[in-house]
Amino acid sequence: MGRPVQYGGQAVIEGVMMRGPQESAIAVRLPNGEIEVTCVKIHPWATRSILKLPIIRGFVALVDSLIVGTRALTFSANRSMGEEEGEQKDEELGFWELALTIGLAFGLGLVFFVGLPTGIAHLLRGKITGTLWQNLFEGAIRLAVFFIYIVMISRLKDIQRVFQYHGAEHKAIFTYEAGKDLTVENARPFPRLHPRCGTSFLLIVVVVSIFVFAFVGLHPLWWRILSRILLMPLVAGLAYEILKFSARHLESPWFHWLIVPGLLLQKLTTREPDDAQLEVALASLKGVLDSGQELT
């Protein structure tokens, strides 16, 4: 007997992408005001038993989300600008273009969230001594860089509109999980903060990295940086398991505190959507539900 799918998605340019196990639906508000819903077959990596094991599945899910999400962003950007279907197909990312895009994004992430904090901590090793304290100081810098990054992008006007669609995505999912009809009226009262949000996941990644890296050696600098990169799959896997665990125990007062920091951070990465944006998010979710997907 199948169990209900825990649907998720992401905000895209003038729209929302929702995904199930085998298919995603991208709903975009076109320049003429109409909503276009496009369903796309996806091929999850975690089809082999070994890739479904705890810890491993978290890193696999992260890579898979990066691929699906990058394609959805490119698609929505083309459609929201009013490009014709034929033009859009010509603009779809090929394998090497997709790999380059993700590689550049991952590389910039490593520079800001690995190289920069590690380098600063290494430069100040004479003032803060001891492996544990050095690594904890590095983790504090990494956390500060993460918050500064979120605050800076949240102030950009174009990003604020994407964050409205992010809030609409959460409200649509809440409406479905509450068993209500997927209408704007039903979705409007729900909160824009969701415990399974990717923002919460990223925060957990940063926090988990502080504890994992705390017990790794400091010298030389090249090893200090390389060790962080090599341990990222483990960090992502642990963060994924913590996120899933906390989402399954929302009613427990003992574990509810696990999700609170992520919900607070979502106040920066979501905005209250208008009814038109809710309509788009609901259309995207309906597109996935129409396929009748279930997890087995």
C-alpha atoms as a PDB file:
ATOM      1  CA  MET A   1       0.000   0.000   0.000  1.00  0.00           C
ATOM      2  CA  GLY A   2       1.392   3.390  -0.999  1.00  0.00           C
ATOM      3  CA  ARG A   3       1.776   6.241   1.413  1.00  0.00           C
ATOM      4  CA  PRO A   4       0.965   9.867   0.571  1.00  0.00           C
ATOM      5  CA  VAL A   5       3.693  11.840  -1.121  1.00  0.00           C
ATOM      6  CA  GLN A   6       5.283  14.679   0.816  1.00  0.00           C
ATOM      7  CA  TYR A   7       5.189  17.235  -1.951  1.00  0.00           C
ATOM      8  CA  GLY A   8       7.713  20.020  -2.125  1.00  0.00           C
ATOM      9  CA  GLY A   9       8.974  22.544  -4.583  1.00  0.00           C
ATOM     10  CA  GLN A  10      10.572  25.911  -5.056  1.00  0.00           C
ATOM     11  CA  ALA A  11       9.783  29.381  -6.237  1.00  0.00           C
ATOM     12  CA  VAL A  12      10.924  30.191  -9.765  1.00  0.00           C
ATOM     13  CA  ILE A  13      10.733  33.287 -11.952  1.00  0.00           C
ATOM     14  CA  GLU A  14       7.081  34.414 -11.903  1.00  0.00           C
ATOM     15  CA  GLY A  15       5.983  30.974 -10.811  1.00  0.00           C
ATOM     16  CA  VAL A  16       6.325  27.842  -8.721  1.00  0.00           C
ATOM     17  CA  MET A  17       7.719  24.391  -9.396  1.00  0.00           C
ATOM     18  CA  MET A  18       6.192  21.484  -7.485  1.00  0.00           C
ATOM     19  CA  ARG A  19       7.585  17.971  -7.668  1.00  0.00           C
ATOM     20  CA  GLY A  20       6.595  14.434  -6.879  1.00  0.00           C
ATOM     21  CA  PRO A  21       8.652  11.230  -7.114  1.00  0.00           C
ATOM     22  CA  GLN A  22       8.560  10.953 -10.917  1.00  0.00           C
ATOM     23  CA  GLU A  23       7.270  14.263 -12.256  1.00  0.00           C
ATOM     24  CA  SER A  24       7.457  17.988 -11.647  1.00  0.00           C
ATOM     25  CA  ALA A  25       5.002  20.708 -12.640  1.00  0.00           C
ATOM     26  CA  ILE A  26       6.113  24.257 -13.380  1.00  0.00           C
ATOM     27  CA  ALA A  27       3.399  26.915 -13.291  1.00  0.00           C
ATOM     28  CA  VAL A  28       4.371  30.319 -14.705  1.00  0.00           C
ATOM     29  CA  ARG A  29       2.399  33.535 -15.009  1.00  0.00           C
ATOM     30  CA  LEU A  30       2.841  34.579 -18.652  1.00  0.00           C
ATOM     31  CA  PRO A  31       3.054  38.247 -19.732  1.00  0.00           C
ATOM     32  CA  ASN A  32      -0.547  38.046 -21.016  1.00  0.00           C
ATOM     33  CA  GLY A  33      -1.755  37.118 -17.519  1.00  0.00           C
ATOM     34  CA  GLU A  34      -2.472  33.478 -18.222  1.00  0.00           C
ATOM     35  CA  ILE A  35      -1.034  30.633 -16.120  1.00  0.00           C
ATOM     36  CA  GLU A  36       0.900  28.021 -18.059  1.00  0.00           C
ATOM     37  CA  VAL A  37       1.473  24.653 -16.364  1.00  0.00           C
ATOM     38  CA  THR A  38       4.128  22.364 -17.816  1.00  0.00           C
ATOM     39  CA  CYS A  39       4.660  18.843 -16.467  1.00  0.00           C
ATOM     40  CA  VAL A  40       8.129  17.352 -16.821  1.00  0.00           C
ATOM     41  CA  LYS A  41       9.250  13.793 -16.183  1.00  0.00           C
ATOM     42  CA  ILE A  42      12.138  13.592 -13.760  1.00  0.00           C
ATOM     43  CA  HIS A  43      14.551  10.758 -13.164  1.00  0.00           C
ATOM     44  CA  PRO A  44      15.520  10.671  -9.487  1.00  0.00           C
ATOM     45  CA  TRP A  45      18.980   9.358  -8.704  1.00  0.00           C
ATOM     46  CA  ALA A  46      17.853   7.382  -5.655  1.00  0.00           C
ATOM     47  CA  THR A  47      16.529   4.357  -7.522  1.00  0.00           C
ATOM     48  CA  ARG A  48      19.132   1.915  -6.182  1.00  0.00           C
ATOM     49  CA  SER A  49      18.856   0.606  -2.657  1.00  0.00           C
ATOM     50  CA  ILE A  50      22.275   1.899  -1.589  1.00  0.00           C
ATOM     51  CA  LEU A  51      21.290   5.469  -2.545  1.00  0.00           C
ATOM     52  CA  LYS A  52      18.237   5.262  -0.264  1.00  0.00           C
ATOM     53  CA  LEU A  53      20.299   4.550   2.843  1.00  0.00           C
ATOM     54  CA  PRO A  54      20.290   7.177   5.629  1.00  0.00           C
ATOM     55  CA  ILE A  55      22.936   9.913   5.220  1.00  0.00           C
ATOM     56  CA  ILE A  56      23.621   8.874   1.598  1.00  0.00           C
ATOM     57  CA  ARG A  57      20.077   9.727   0.514  1.00  0.00           C
ATOM     58  CA  GLY A  58      20.450  13.265   1.874  1.00  0.00           C
ATOM     59  CA  PHE A  59      23.389  14.154  -0.358  1.00  0.00           C
ATOM     60  CA  VAL A  60      21.731  12.439  -3.337  1.00  0.00           C
ATOM     61  CA  ALA A  61      18.552  14.461  -2.723  1.00  0.00           C
ATOM     62  CA  LEU A  62      20.592  17.683  -2.595  1.00  0.00           C
ATOM     63  CA  VAL A  63      22.289  17.042  -5.945  1.00  0.00           C
ATOM     64  CA  ASP A  64      19.004  15.949  -7.510  1.00  0.00           C
ATOM     65  CA  SER A  65      17.270  19.106  -6.261  1.00  0.00           C
ATOM     66  CA  LEU A  66      20.031  21.284  -7.710  1.00  0.00           C
ATOM     67  CA  ILE A  67      19.582  19.713 -11.147  1.00  0.00           C
ATOM     68  CA  VAL A  68      15.777  19.847 -11.190  1.00  0.00           C
ATOM     69  CA  GLY A  69      15.730  23.331  -9.657  1.00  0.00           C
ATOM     70  CA  THR A  70      18.233  24.809 -12.120  1.00  0.00           C
ATOM     71  CA  ARG A  71      16.254  23.488 -15.070  1.00  0.00           C
ATOM     72  CA  ALA A  72      13.019  24.858 -13.606  1.00  0.00           C
ATOM     73  CA  LEU A  73      14.552  28.309 -13.086  1.00  0.00           C
ATOM     74  CA  THR A  74      15.834  28.432 -16.667  1.00  0.00           C
ATOM     75  CA  PHE A  75      12.486  27.299 -18.045  1.00  0.00           C
ATOM     76  CA  SER A  76      10.493  29.816 -15.992  1.00  0.00           C
ATOM     77  CA  ALA A  77      12.813  32.681 -16.904  1.00  0.00           C
ATOM     78  CA  ASN A  78      12.264  31.981 -20.608  1.00  0.00           C
ATOM     79  CA  ARG A  79       8.489  31.583 -20.339  1.00  0.00           C
ATOM     80  CA  SER A  80       7.927  34.581 -18.062  1.00  0.00           C
ATOM     81  CA  MET A  81       9.600  36.777 -20.699  1.00  0.00           C
ATOM     82  CA  GLY A  82       7.078  35.566 -23.259  1.00  0.00           C
ATOM     83  CA  GLU A  83       9.329  33.460 -25.450  1.00  0.00           C
ATOM     84  CA  GLU A  84       7.562  31.151 -27.866  1.00  0.00           C
ATOM     85  CA  GLU A  85       7.551  27.411 -27.223  1.00  0.00           C
ATOM     86  CA  GLY A  86       9.994  26.760 -30.061  1.00  0.00           C
ATOM     87  CA  GLU A  87      12.362  29.439 -28.803  1.00  0.00           C
ATOM     88  CA  GLN A  88      12.162  28.082 -25.279  1.00  0.00           C
ATOM     89  CA  LYS A  89      13.145  24.605 -26.376  1.00  0.00           C
ATOM     90  CA  ASP A  90      16.214  26.015 -28.077  1.00  0.00           C
ATOM     91  CA  GLU A  91      17.165  27.691 -24.813  1.00  0.00           C
ATOM     92  CA  GLU A  92      16.898  24.575 -22.617  1.00  0.00           C
ATOM     93  CA  LEU A  93      20.138  23.721 -20.890  1.00  0.00           C
ATOM     94  CA  GLY A  94      22.040  20.806 -22.350  1.00  0.00           C
ATOM     95  CA  PHE A  95      24.074  18.415 -20.204  1.00  0.00           C
ATOM     96  CA  TRP A  96      27.322  20.407 -20.315  1.00  0.00           C
ATOM     97  CA  GLU A  97      25.564  23.764 -19.897  1.00  0.00           C
ATOM     98  CA  LEU A  98      23.698  22.387 -16.883  1.00  0.00           C
ATOM     99  CA  ALA A  99      26.892  20.924 -15.452  1.00  0.00           C
ATOM    100  CA  LEU A 100      28.704  24.253 -15.928  1.00  0.00           C
ATOM    101  CA  THR A 101      25.875  26.244 -14.319  1.00  0.00           C
ATOM    102  CA  ILE A 102      25.688  23.970 -11.291  1.00  0.00           C
ATOM    103  CA  GLY A 103      29.486  23.780 -11.116  1.00  0.00           C
ATOM    104  CA  LEU A 104      29.809  27.571 -11.047  1.00  0.00           C
ATOM    105  CA  ALA A 105      27.094  27.888  -8.400  1.00  0.00           C
ATOM    106  CA  PHE A 106      28.698  25.151  -6.297  1.00  0.00           C
ATOM    107  CA  GLY A 107      32.127  26.751  -6.756  1.00  0.00           C
ATOM    108  CA  LEU A 108      30.909  30.156  -5.594  1.00  0.00           C
ATOM    109  CA  GLY A 109      29.252  28.481  -2.626  1.00  0.00           C
ATOM    110  CA  LEU A 110      32.542  26.843  -1.681  1.00  0.00           C
ATOM    111  CA  VAL A 111      34.384  30.169  -1.947  1.00  0.00           C
ATOM    112  CA  PHE A 112      31.950  32.071   0.298  1.00  0.00           C
ATOM    113  CA  PHE A 113      30.930  29.374   2.762  1.00  0.00           C
ATOM    114  CA  VAL A 114      34.091  27.268   2.936  1.00  0.00           C
ATOM    115  CA  GLY A 115      37.093  29.226   1.670  1.00  0.00           C
ATOM    116  CA  LEU A 116      36.252  32.597   3.238  1.00  0.00           C
ATOM    117  CA  PRO A 117      35.430  31.394   6.799  1.00  0.00           C
ATOM    118  CA  THR A 118      38.291  28.898   6.786  1.00  0.00           C
ATOM    119  CA  GLY A 119      40.766  31.476   5.507  1.00  0.00           C
ATOM    120  CA  ILE A 120      39.761  34.107   8.083  1.00  0.00           C
ATOM    121  CA  ALA A 121      39.975  31.600  10.927  1.00  0.00           C
ATOM    122  CA  HIS A 122      43.395  30.439   9.708  1.00  0.00           C
ATOM    123  CA  LEU A 123      44.702  34.006   9.591  1.00  0.00           C
ATOM    124  CA  LEU A 124      43.594  34.541  13.209  1.00  0.00           C
ATOM    125  CA  ARG A 125      44.976  31.219  14.489  1.00  0.00           C
ATOM    126  CA  GLY A 126      47.527  33.100  16.597  1.00  0.00           C
ATOM    127  CA  LYS A 127      44.794  34.881  18.568  1.00  0.00           C
ATOM    128  CA  ILE A 128      42.413  31.917  18.935  1.00  0.00           C
ATOM    129  CA  THR A 129      44.362  28.797  19.801  1.00  0.00           C
ATOM    130  CA  GLY A 130      43.391  25.151  20.094  1.00  0.00           C
ATOM    131  CA  THR A 131      41.863  22.935  17.403  1.00  0.00           C
ATOM    132  CA  LEU A 132      38.375  22.902  18.910  1.00  0.00           C
ATOM    133  CA  TRP A 133      38.184  26.661  19.516  1.00  0.00           C
ATOM    134  CA  GLN A 134      39.639  27.441  16.093  1.00  0.00           C
ATOM    135  CA  ASN A 135      37.050  25.258  14.381  1.00  0.00           C
ATOM    136  CA  LEU A 136      34.189  26.656  16.451  1.00  0.00           C
ATOM    137  CA  PHE A 137      35.342  30.179  15.568  1.00  0.00           C
ATOM    138  CA  GLU A 138      35.411  29.185  11.897  1.00  0.00           C
ATOM    139  CA  GLY A 139      31.869  27.835  12.246  1.00  0.00           C
ATOM    140  CA  ALA A 140      30.689  31.081  13.793  1.00  0.00           C
ATOM    141  CA  ILE A 141      32.137  33.021  10.846  1.00  0.00           C
ATOM    142  CA  ARG A 142      30.415  30.623   8.415  1.00  0.00           C
ATOM    143  CA  LEU A 143      27.093  31.158  10.171  1.00  0.00           C
ATOM    144  CA  ALA A 144      27.564  34.941  10.060  1.00  0.00           C
ATOM    145  CA  VAL A 145      28.402  34.857   6.326  1.00  0.00           C
ATOM    146  CA  PHE A 146      25.271  32.790   5.701  1.00  0.00           C
ATOM    147  CA  PHE A 147      23.027  35.264   7.538  1.00  0.00           C
ATOM    148  CA  ILE A 148      24.622  38.279   5.840  1.00  0.00           C
ATOM    149  CA  TYR A 149      24.087  36.632   2.451  1.00  0.00           C
ATOM    150  CA  ILE A 150      20.399  35.946   3.186  1.00  0.00           C
ATOM    151  CA  VAL A 151      19.811  39.487   4.466  1.00  0.00           C
ATOM    152  CA  MET A 152      21.507  41.060   1.427  1.00  0.00           C
ATOM    153  CA  ILE A 153      19.576  39.104  -1.213  1.00  0.00           C
ATOM    154  CA  SER A 154      16.300  39.567   0.675  1.00  0.00           C
ATOM    155  CA  ARG A 155      16.595  43.313   0.089  1.00  0.00           C
ATOM    156  CA  LEU A 156      16.700  42.990  -3.710  1.00  0.00           C
ATOM    157  CA  LYS A 157      13.390  43.990  -5.303  1.00  0.00           C
ATOM    158  CA  ASP A 158      13.313  41.185  -7.885  1.00  0.00           C
ATOM    159  CA  ILE A 159      14.227  38.590  -5.262  1.00  0.00           C
ATOM    160  CA  GLN A 160      11.440  39.825  -2.985  1.00  0.00           C
ATOM    161  CA  ARG A 161       8.927  38.882  -5.685  1.00  0.00           C
ATOM    162  CA  VAL A 162      10.453  35.408  -5.914  1.00  0.00           C
ATOM    163  CA  PHE A 163      10.168  35.193  -2.128  1.00  0.00           C
ATOM    164  CA  GLN A 164       6.439  35.965  -2.457  1.00  0.00           C
ATOM    165  CA  TYR A 165       6.105  32.920  -4.697  1.00  0.00           C
ATOM    166  CA  HIS A 166       8.108  31.014  -2.087  1.00  0.00           C
ATOM    167  CA  GLY A 167       5.460  31.909   0.486  1.00  0.00           C
ATOM    168  CA  ALA A 168       2.723  30.909  -1.977  1.00  0.00           C
ATOM    169  CA  GLU A 169       4.387  27.520  -2.454  1.00  0.00           C
ATOM    170  CA  HIS A 170       4.285  26.865   1.296  1.00  0.00           C
ATOM    171  CA  LYS A 171       0.650  27.928   1.614  1.00  0.00           C
ATOM    172  CA  ALA A 172      -0.345  25.610  -1.247  1.00  0.00           C
ATOM    173  CA  ILE A 173       1.403  22.646   0.392  1.00  0.00           C
ATOM    174  CA  PHE A 174      -0.206  23.420   3.766  1.00  0.00           C
ATOM    175  CA  THR A 175      -3.624  23.482   2.070  1.00  0.00           C
ATOM    176  CA  TYR A 176      -3.053  20.058   0.542  1.00  0.00           C
ATOM    177  CA  GLU A 177      -1.700  18.586   3.780  1.00  0.00           C
ATOM    178  CA  ALA A 178      -4.771  19.876   5.633  1.00  0.00           C
ATOM    179  CA  GLY A 179      -7.008  17.987   3.209  1.00  0.00           C
ATOM    180  CA  LYS A 180      -8.738  21.126   1.945  1.00  0.00           C
ATOM    181  CA  ASP A 181      -9.767  21.969  -1.594  1.00  0.00           C
ATOM    182  CA  LEU A 182      -6.961  23.694  -3.458  1.00  0.00           C
ATOM    183  CA  THR A 183      -8.517  27.139  -3.732  1.00  0.00           C
ATOM    184  CA  VAL A 184      -7.101  30.582  -3.098  1.00  0.00           C
ATOM    185  CA  GLU A 185      -9.658  31.153  -0.328  1.00  0.00           C
ATOM    186  CA  ASN A 186      -8.538  28.023   1.523  1.00  0.00           C
ATOM    187  CA  ALA A 187      -4.808  28.680   1.013  1.00  0.00           C
ATOM    188  CA  ARG A 188      -4.801  32.323   2.053  1.00  0.00           C
ATOM    189  CA  PRO A 189      -5.025  31.837   5.873  1.00  0.00           C
ATOM    190  CA  PHE A 190      -2.175  29.309   6.098  1.00  0.00           C
ATOM    191  CA  PRO A 191       1.304  30.433   7.260  1.00  0.00           C
ATOM    192  CA  ARG A 192       4.038  31.122   4.754  1.00  0.00           C
ATOM    193  CA  LEU A 193       6.638  29.297   6.881  1.00  0.00           C
ATOM    194  CA  HIS A 194       6.969  25.530   6.391  1.00  0.00           C
ATOM    195  CA  PRO A 195       9.112  23.108   8.462  1.00  0.00           C
ATOM    196  CA  ARG A 196      10.385  21.184   5.408  1.00  0.00           C
ATOM    197  CA  CYS A 197      11.610  24.279   3.586  1.00  0.00           C
ATOM    198  CA  GLY A 198      14.970  24.298   1.833  1.00  0.00           C
ATOM    199  CA  THR A 199      15.915  27.394   3.819  1.00  0.00           C
ATOM    200  CA  SER A 200      15.667  25.373   7.019  1.00  0.00           C
ATOM    201  CA  PHE A 201      17.773  22.664   5.396  1.00  0.00           C
ATOM    202  CA  LEU A 202      20.547  25.129   4.519  1.00  0.00           C
ATOM    203  CA  LEU A 203      20.592  26.480   8.063  1.00  0.00           C
ATOM    204  CA  ILE A 204      20.863  22.944   9.444  1.00  0.00           C
ATOM    205  CA  VAL A 205      23.748  22.273   7.014  1.00  0.00           C
ATOM    206  CA  VAL A 206      25.651  25.275   8.362  1.00  0.00           C
ATOM    207  CA  VAL A 207      25.031  24.309  12.003  1.00  0.00           C
ATOM    208  CA  VAL A 208      25.899  20.627  11.457  1.00  0.00           C
ATOM    209  CA  SER A 209      29.112  21.640   9.676  1.00  0.00           C
ATOM    210  CA  ILE A 210      30.237  23.458  12.838  1.00  0.00           C
ATOM    211  CA  PHE A 211      30.077  20.244  14.857  1.00  0.00           C
ATOM    212  CA  VAL A 212      31.496  17.964  12.146  1.00  0.00           C
ATOM    213  CA  PHE A 213      34.434  20.235  11.295  1.00  0.00           C
ATOM    214  CA  ALA A 214      35.171  20.904  14.979  1.00  0.00           C
ATOM    215  CA  PHE A 215      37.139  17.659  15.253  1.00  0.00           C
ATOM    216  CA  VAL A 216      39.194  17.977  12.048  1.00  0.00           C
ATOM    217  CA  GLY A 217      42.825  19.067  12.124  1.00  0.00           C
ATOM    218  CA  LEU A 218      43.861  22.606  11.250  1.00  0.00           C
ATOM    219  CA  HIS A 219      47.184  22.405   9.423  1.00  0.00           C
ATOM    220  CA  PRO A 220      48.154  22.983   6.739  1.00  0.00           C
ATOM    221  CA  LEU A 221      45.623  25.407   5.225  1.00  0.00           C
ATOM    222  CA  TRP A 222      45.151  23.333   2.055  1.00  0.00           C
ATOM    223  CA  TRP A 223      44.144  20.327   4.162  1.00  0.00           C
ATOM    224  CA  ARG A 224      41.829  22.456   6.272  1.00  0.00           C
ATOM    225  CA  ILE A 225      39.945  23.577   3.145  1.00  0.00           C
ATOM    226  CA  LEU A 226      40.045  20.192   1.417  1.00  0.00           C
ATOM    227  CA  SER A 227      38.730  18.374   4.497  1.00  0.00           C
ATOM    228  CA  ARG A 228      35.685  20.665   4.545  1.00  0.00           C
ATOM    229  CA  ILE A 229      34.942  19.912   0.906  1.00  0.00           C
ATOM    230  CA  LEU A 230      35.373  16.160   1.367  1.00  0.00           C
ATOM    231  CA  LEU A 231      33.073  16.148   4.394  1.00  0.00           C
ATOM    232  CA  MET A 232      30.252  18.107   2.713  1.00  0.00           C
ATOM    233  CA  PRO A 233      28.369  14.949   1.599  1.00  0.00           C
ATOM    234  CA  LEU A 234      28.366  13.756   5.218  1.00  0.00           C
ATOM    235  CA  VAL A 235      27.226  17.168   6.462  1.00  0.00           C
ATOM    236  CA  ALA A 236      24.410  17.336   3.880  1.00  0.00           C
ATOM    237  CA  GLY A 237      23.336  13.786   4.700  1.00  0.00           C
ATOM    238  CA  LEU A 238      23.168  14.455   8.440  1.00  0.00           C
ATOM    239  CA  ALA A 239      21.276  17.717   7.881  1.00  0.00           C
ATOM    240  CA  TYR A 240      18.733  15.914   5.691  1.00  0.00           C
ATOM    241  CA  GLU A 241      18.078  13.286   8.367  1.00  0.00           C
ATOM    242  CA  ILE A 242      17.641  15.974  11.047  1.00  0.00           C
ATOM    243  CA  LEU A 243      15.179  17.885   8.839  1.00  0.00           C
ATOM    244  CA  LYS A 244      13.147  14.735   8.125  1.00  0.00           C
ATOM    245  CA  PHE A 245      13.204  13.706  11.780  1.00  0.00           C
ATOM    246  CA  SER A 246      12.014  17.088  13.027  1.00  0.00           C
ATOM    247  CA  ALA A 247       9.250  17.200  10.369  1.00  0.00           C
ATOM    248  CA  ARG A 248       7.935  13.829  11.601  1.00  0.00           C
ATOM    249  CA  HIS A 249       7.825  15.000  15.230  1.00  0.00           C
ATOM    250  CA  LEU A 250       6.260  18.446  14.944  1.00  0.00           C
ATOM    251  CA  GLU A 251       3.705  17.674  17.636  1.00  0.00           C
ATOM    252  CA  SER A 252       6.344  16.778  20.213  1.00  0.00           C
ATOM    253  CA  PRO A 253       7.402  19.682  22.457  1.00  0.00           C
ATOM    254  CA  TRP A 254      10.764  17.929  22.901  1.00  0.00           C
ATOM    255  CA  PHE A 255      11.627  18.185  19.209  1.00  0.00           C
ATOM    256  CA  HIS A 256       9.660  21.243  18.106  1.00  0.00           C
ATOM    257  CA  TRP A 257      12.603  23.474  19.012  1.00  0.00           C
ATOM    258  CA  LEU A 258      14.609  21.861  16.181  1.00  0.00           C
ATOM    259  CA  ILE A 259      12.514  23.621  13.544  1.00  0.00           C
ATOM    260  CA  VAL A 260      12.196  27.024  15.228  1.00  0.00           C
ATOM    261  CA  PRO A 261      15.496  28.553  13.946  1.00  0.00           C
ATOM    262  CA  GLY A 262      14.653  27.504  10.366  1.00  0.00           C
ATOM    263  CA  LEU A 263      11.158  28.980  10.618  1.00  0.00           C
ATOM    264  CA  LEU A 264      12.596  32.259  11.891  1.00  0.00           C
ATOM    265  CA  LEU A 265      15.043  32.374   8.979  1.00  0.00           C
ATOM    266  CA  GLN A 266      12.157  31.839   6.551  1.00  0.00           C
ATOM    267  CA  LYS A 267      10.818  35.219   7.641  1.00  0.00           C
ATOM    268  CA  LEU A 268      13.632  36.569   5.454  1.00  0.00           C
ATOM    269  CA  THR A 269      13.286  34.142   2.522  1.00  0.00           C
ATOM    270  CA  THR A 270       9.498  34.297   2.176  1.00  0.00           C
ATOM    271  CA  ARG A 271       7.034  37.139   1.727  1.00  0.00           C
ATOM    272  CA  GLU A 272       3.252  37.186   1.993  1.00  0.00           C
ATOM    273  CA  PRO A 273       1.920  36.357  -1.509  1.00  0.00           C
ATOM    274  CA  ASP A 274      -1.025  37.995  -3.230  1.00  0.00           C
ATOM    275  CA  ASP A 275      -3.978  36.004  -4.557  1.00  0.00           C
ATOM    276  CA  ALA A 276      -2.581  35.875  -8.091  1.00  0.00           C
ATOM    277  CA  GLN A 277       0.625  34.252  -6.818  1.00  0.00           C
ATOM    278  CA  LEU A 278      -1.361  31.778  -4.711  1.00  0.00           C
ATOM    279  CA  GLU A 279      -3.296  30.863  -7.841  1.00  0.00           C
ATOM    280  CA  VAL A 280      -0.034  30.027  -9.619  1.00  0.00           C
ATOM    281  CA  ALA A 281       1.267  27.896  -6.734  1.00  0.00           C
ATOM    282  CA  LEU A 282      -2.008  25.968  -6.521  1.00  0.00           C
ATOM    283  CA  ALA A 283      -1.985  25.384 -10.283  1.00  0.00           C
ATOM    284  CA  SER A 284       1.507  23.910  -9.997  1.00  0.00           C
ATOM    285  CA  LEU A 285       0.476  21.568  -7.184  1.00  0.00           C
ATOM    286  CA  LYS A 286      -2.639  20.495  -9.074  1.00  0.00           C
ATOM    287  CA  GLY A 287      -0.432  19.690 -12.061  1.00  0.00           C
ATOM    288  CA  VAL A 288       1.582  17.198 -10.000  1.00  0.00           C
ATOM    289  CA  LEU A 289      -1.483  15.757  -8.269  1.00  0.00           C
ATOM    290  CA  ASP A 290      -3.179  15.090 -11.593  1.00  0.00           C
ATOM    291  CA  SER A 291      -0.483  12.524 -12.318  1.00  0.00           C
ATOM    292  CA  GLY A 292      -1.672  10.531  -9.264  1.00  0.00           C
ATOM    293  CA  GLN A 293       1.843   9.793  -7.998  1.00  0.00           C
ATOM    294  CA  GLU A 294       2.325   7.758  -4.849  1.00  0.00           C
ATOM    295  CA  LEU A 295       5.358   6.545  -2.982  1.00  0.00           C
ATOM    296  CA  THR A 296       5.589   2.813  -2.478  1.00  0.00           C
END
